[in-house]
Amino acid sequence: MGMVKKTYSITETLDQYVGERIKSGEYATDSEYIRELIRRDQQENKEIAYIRSKLAQAEKSGFTNQTKEEILDEFKAELKANGDL
């Protein structure tokens, strides 16, 4: 996959924070850190969309005897099975 060069402006405070993450060794560069944040955001949005679709299905299907923990476990199992978690 090709790379696209972008330029972003951030506050000094955010720049210091990014610098701390790099100094800690978690990331090698600013770009690596930003790419990771974007990937996390993509994954989070996928999960949110999935949960919303399940909620819409649930509203249409009526009530359940499952606990909220059981429902959450079921959602997570389906996400793992689909390779989305």
N, C-alpha and C. Protein backbone atom coordinates (compact mmCIF):
# COMPACT_ATOMS: atom_id res chain seq x y z
N MET A 1 0.85 -1.17 0.00
CA MET A 1 0.00 0.00 0.00
C MET A 1 0.90 1.24 0.00
N GLY A 2 0.63 2.20 -0.88
CA GLY A 2 1.44 3.40 -0.97
C GLY A 2 1.22 4.34 0.19
N MET A 3 2.19 5.19 0.41
CA MET A 3 2.11 6.17 1.50
C MET A 3 1.79 7.53 0.90
N VAL A 4 1.04 8.32 1.63
CA VAL A 4 0.70 9.68 1.26
C VAL A 4 1.29 10.59 2.32
N LYS A 5 2.00 11.61 1.91
CA LYS A 5 2.60 12.53 2.87
C LYS A 5 1.57 13.59 3.24
N LYS A 6 1.38 13.81 4.55
CA LYS A 6 0.44 14.79 5.07
C LYS A 6 1.16 15.67 6.09
N THR A 7 0.64 16.85 6.29
CA THR A 7 1.17 17.76 7.30
C THR A 7 0.02 18.14 8.23
N TYR A 8 0.25 18.02 9.53
CA TYR A 8 -0.76 18.37 10.52
C TYR A 8 -0.16 19.33 11.53
N SER A 9 -1.00 20.18 12.08
CA SER A 9 -0.58 21.09 13.14
C SER A 9 -1.21 20.64 14.44
N ILE A 10 -0.41 20.62 15.51
CA ILE A 10 -0.92 20.27 16.83
C ILE A 10 -0.37 21.27 17.84
N THR A 11 -0.99 21.33 18.99
CA THR A 11 -0.53 22.26 20.03
C THR A 11 0.79 21.77 20.61
N GLU A 12 1.49 22.66 21.29
CA GLU A 12 2.75 22.28 21.95
C GLU A 12 2.52 21.19 22.98
N THR A 13 1.41 21.28 23.69
CA THR A 13 1.09 20.28 24.71
C THR A 13 0.94 18.90 24.08
N LEU A 14 0.21 18.82 22.97
CA LEU A 14 0.04 17.53 22.30
C LEU A 14 1.37 17.04 21.74
N ASP A 15 2.17 17.96 21.22
CA ASP A 15 3.48 17.58 20.70
C ASP A 15 4.36 16.99 21.80
N GLN A 16 4.30 17.59 22.97
CA GLN A 16 5.07 17.06 24.10
C GLN A 16 4.59 15.66 24.47
N TYR A 17 3.28 15.47 24.46
CA TYR A 17 2.72 14.16 24.78
C TYR A 17 3.19 13.11 23.78
N VAL A 18 3.11 13.44 22.50
CA VAL A 18 3.56 12.51 21.46
C VAL A 18 5.04 12.21 21.66
N GLY A 19 5.82 13.24 21.96
CA GLY A 19 7.25 13.05 22.22
C GLY A 19 7.51 12.10 23.38
N GLU A 20 6.70 12.19 24.42
CA GLU A 20 6.83 11.29 25.57
C GLU A 20 6.55 9.85 25.18
N ARG A 21 5.55 9.65 24.33
CA ARG A 21 5.22 8.29 23.88
C ARG A 21 6.38 7.71 23.06
N ILE A 22 7.02 8.54 22.27
CA ILE A 22 8.15 8.08 21.47
C ILE A 22 9.35 7.79 22.37
N LYS A 23 9.62 8.69 23.33
CA LYS A 23 10.75 8.49 24.25
C LYS A 23 10.57 7.21 25.07
N SER A 24 9.32 6.85 25.36
CA SER A 24 9.06 5.65 26.16
C SER A 24 9.39 4.38 25.39
N GLY A 25 9.55 4.51 24.07
CA GLY A 25 9.86 3.36 23.24
C GLY A 25 8.66 2.66 22.65
N GLU A 26 7.45 3.15 22.97
CA GLU A 26 6.24 2.52 22.42
C GLU A 26 6.14 2.72 20.92
N TYR A 27 6.63 3.86 20.46
CA TYR A 27 6.57 4.19 19.04
C TYR A 27 7.92 4.75 18.62
N ALA A 28 8.27 4.55 17.35
CA ALA A 28 9.56 5.02 16.85
C ALA A 28 9.47 6.44 16.31
N THR A 29 8.30 6.81 15.78
CA THR A 29 8.14 8.13 15.16
C THR A 29 6.75 8.67 15.43
N ASP A 30 6.60 9.97 15.18
CA ASP A 30 5.28 10.61 15.27
C ASP A 30 4.31 9.92 14.32
N SER A 31 4.78 9.66 13.12
CA SER A 31 3.91 9.04 12.10
C SER A 31 3.40 7.68 12.54
N GLU A 32 4.27 6.90 13.14
CA GLU A 32 3.85 5.57 13.61
C GLU A 32 2.74 5.70 14.65
N TYR A 33 2.89 6.64 15.55
CA TYR A 33 1.89 6.88 16.59
C TYR A 33 0.56 7.32 15.98
N ILE A 34 0.60 8.26 15.05
CA ILE A 34 -0.62 8.75 14.41
C ILE A 34 -1.32 7.63 13.63
N ARG A 35 -0.54 6.81 12.92
CA ARG A 35 -1.14 5.69 12.18
C ARG A 35 -1.85 4.73 13.13
N GLU A 36 -1.22 4.47 14.28
CA GLU A 36 -1.84 3.58 15.27
C GLU A 36 -3.15 4.17 15.80
N LEU A 37 -3.17 5.46 16.06
CA LEU A 37 -4.40 6.11 16.53
C LEU A 37 -5.51 6.01 15.49
N ILE A 38 -5.16 6.17 14.22
CA ILE A 38 -6.16 6.07 13.15
C ILE A 38 -6.68 4.65 13.06
N ARG A 39 -5.79 3.65 13.17
CA ARG A 39 -6.23 2.24 13.12
C ARG A 39 -7.19 1.93 14.28
N ARG A 40 -6.85 2.42 15.47
CA ARG A 40 -7.72 2.20 16.63
C ARG A 40 -9.09 2.84 16.40
N ASP A 41 -9.09 4.05 15.84
CA ASP A 41 -10.34 4.74 15.56
C ASP A 41 -11.18 3.96 14.55
N GLN A 42 -10.53 3.42 13.51
CA GLN A 42 -11.24 2.61 12.53
C GLN A 42 -11.88 1.41 13.20
N GLN A 43 -11.12 0.72 14.05
CA GLN A 43 -11.65 -0.47 14.73
C GLN A 43 -12.80 -0.11 15.65
N GLU A 44 -12.63 0.98 16.39
CA GLU A 44 -13.69 1.41 17.30
C GLU A 44 -14.96 1.75 16.54
N ASN A 45 -14.84 2.41 15.41
CA ASN A 45 -16.02 2.76 14.61
C ASN A 45 -16.69 1.52 14.04
N LYS A 46 -15.89 0.50 13.67
CA LYS A 46 -16.47 -0.77 13.21
C LYS A 46 -17.29 -1.41 14.32
N GLU A 47 -16.72 -1.41 15.53
CA GLU A 47 -17.41 -2.03 16.66
C GLU A 47 -18.69 -1.27 17.00
N ILE A 48 -18.64 0.05 16.95
CA ILE A 48 -19.82 0.86 17.23
C ILE A 48 -20.91 0.58 16.20
N ALA A 49 -20.54 0.52 14.94
CA ALA A 49 -21.52 0.24 13.88
C ALA A 49 -22.13 -1.14 14.09
N TYR A 50 -21.31 -2.11 14.47
CA TYR A 50 -21.80 -3.46 14.71
C TYR A 50 -22.81 -3.47 15.87
N ILE A 51 -22.45 -2.82 16.95
CA ILE A 51 -23.33 -2.78 18.12
C ILE A 51 -24.64 -2.07 17.78
N ARG A 52 -24.55 -0.98 17.03
CA ARG A 52 -25.77 -0.28 16.62
C ARG A 52 -26.67 -1.17 15.78
N SER A 53 -26.07 -1.93 14.87
CA SER A 53 -26.89 -2.81 14.04
C SER A 53 -27.55 -3.89 14.90
N LYS A 54 -26.81 -4.40 15.89
CA LYS A 54 -27.38 -5.41 16.79
C LYS A 54 -28.51 -4.81 17.63
N LEU A 55 -28.33 -3.57 18.08
CA LEU A 55 -29.38 -2.92 18.86
C LEU A 55 -30.64 -2.73 18.02
N ALA A 56 -30.45 -2.34 16.76
CA ALA A 56 -31.61 -2.17 15.87
C ALA A 56 -32.32 -3.51 15.67
N GLN A 57 -31.55 -4.59 15.48
CA GLN A 57 -32.16 -5.92 15.35
C GLN A 57 -32.91 -6.30 16.62
N ALA A 58 -32.29 -5.99 17.76
CA ALA A 58 -32.91 -6.35 19.04
C ALA A 58 -34.22 -5.61 19.25
N GLU A 59 -34.24 -4.34 18.88
CA GLU A 59 -35.48 -3.56 19.02
C GLU A 59 -36.60 -4.16 18.19
N LYS A 60 -36.26 -4.68 17.03
CA LYS A 60 -37.27 -5.28 16.15
C LYS A 60 -37.73 -6.65 16.65
N SER A 61 -36.85 -7.36 17.35
CA SER A 61 -37.17 -8.74 17.73
C SER A 61 -37.87 -8.85 19.08
N GLY A 62 -37.85 -7.82 19.89
CA GLY A 62 -38.54 -7.88 21.17
C GLY A 62 -37.61 -8.11 22.34
N PHE A 63 -38.15 -8.68 23.40
CA PHE A 63 -37.43 -8.85 24.66
C PHE A 63 -36.60 -10.13 24.67
N THR A 64 -35.62 -10.17 25.59
CA THR A 64 -34.78 -11.35 25.78
C THR A 64 -34.64 -11.64 27.27
N ASN A 65 -34.31 -12.87 27.58
CA ASN A 65 -34.05 -13.24 28.97
C ASN A 65 -32.57 -13.19 29.30
N GLN A 66 -31.74 -12.84 28.32
CA GLN A 66 -30.30 -12.76 28.54
C GLN A 66 -29.97 -11.56 29.42
N THR A 67 -28.89 -11.73 30.23
CA THR A 67 -28.39 -10.60 31.00
C THR A 67 -27.56 -9.72 30.08
N LYS A 68 -27.26 -8.50 30.52
CA LYS A 68 -26.45 -7.62 29.68
C LYS A 68 -25.05 -8.19 29.47
N GLU A 69 -24.53 -8.92 30.47
CA GLU A 69 -23.22 -9.55 30.33
C GLU A 69 -23.25 -10.65 29.27
N GLU A 70 -24.32 -11.43 29.26
CA GLU A 70 -24.47 -12.49 28.25
C GLU A 70 -24.58 -11.90 26.84
N ILE A 71 -25.30 -10.82 26.73
CA ILE A 71 -25.44 -10.17 25.42
C ILE A 71 -24.09 -9.63 24.95
N LEU A 72 -23.37 -8.97 25.84
CA LEU A 72 -22.05 -8.44 25.50
C LEU A 72 -21.09 -9.55 25.11
N ASP A 73 -21.11 -10.65 25.86
CA ASP A 73 -20.26 -11.80 25.54
C ASP A 73 -20.60 -12.35 24.16
N GLU A 74 -21.88 -12.40 23.84
CA GLU A 74 -22.32 -12.89 22.54
C GLU A 74 -21.81 -11.97 21.41
N PHE A 75 -21.93 -10.66 21.62
CA PHE A 75 -21.44 -9.70 20.63
C PHE A 75 -19.95 -9.88 20.40
N LYS A 76 -19.20 -9.99 21.50
CA LYS A 76 -17.75 -10.15 21.39
C LYS A 76 -17.38 -11.44 20.67
N ALA A 77 -18.10 -12.51 20.96
CA ALA A 77 -17.83 -13.79 20.30
C ALA A 77 -18.07 -13.69 18.80
N GLU A 78 -19.15 -12.99 18.42
CA GLU A 78 -19.44 -12.82 16.99
C GLU A 78 -18.38 -11.95 16.32
N LEU A 79 -17.93 -10.88 17.00
CA LEU A 79 -16.88 -10.03 16.44
C LEU A 79 -15.58 -10.82 16.25
N LYS A 80 -15.24 -11.65 17.23
CA LYS A 80 -14.03 -12.48 17.11
C LYS A 80 -14.16 -13.48 15.96
N ALA A 81 -15.34 -14.08 15.84
CA ALA A 81 -15.56 -15.06 14.78
C ALA A 81 -15.45 -14.43 13.40
N ASN A 82 -15.84 -13.16 13.31
CA ASN A 82 -15.76 -12.45 12.04
C ASN A 82 -14.39 -11.81 11.81
N GLY A 83 -13.50 -11.94 12.79
CA GLY A 83 -12.17 -11.34 12.68
C GLY A 83 -12.15 -9.85 12.91
N ASP A 84 -13.21 -9.31 13.51
CA ASP A 84 -13.29 -7.87 13.75
C ASP A 84 -12.86 -7.46 15.16
N LEU A 85 -12.48 -8.42 15.98
CA LEU A 85 -12.06 -8.10 17.35
C LEU A 85 -10.87 -8.94 17.72
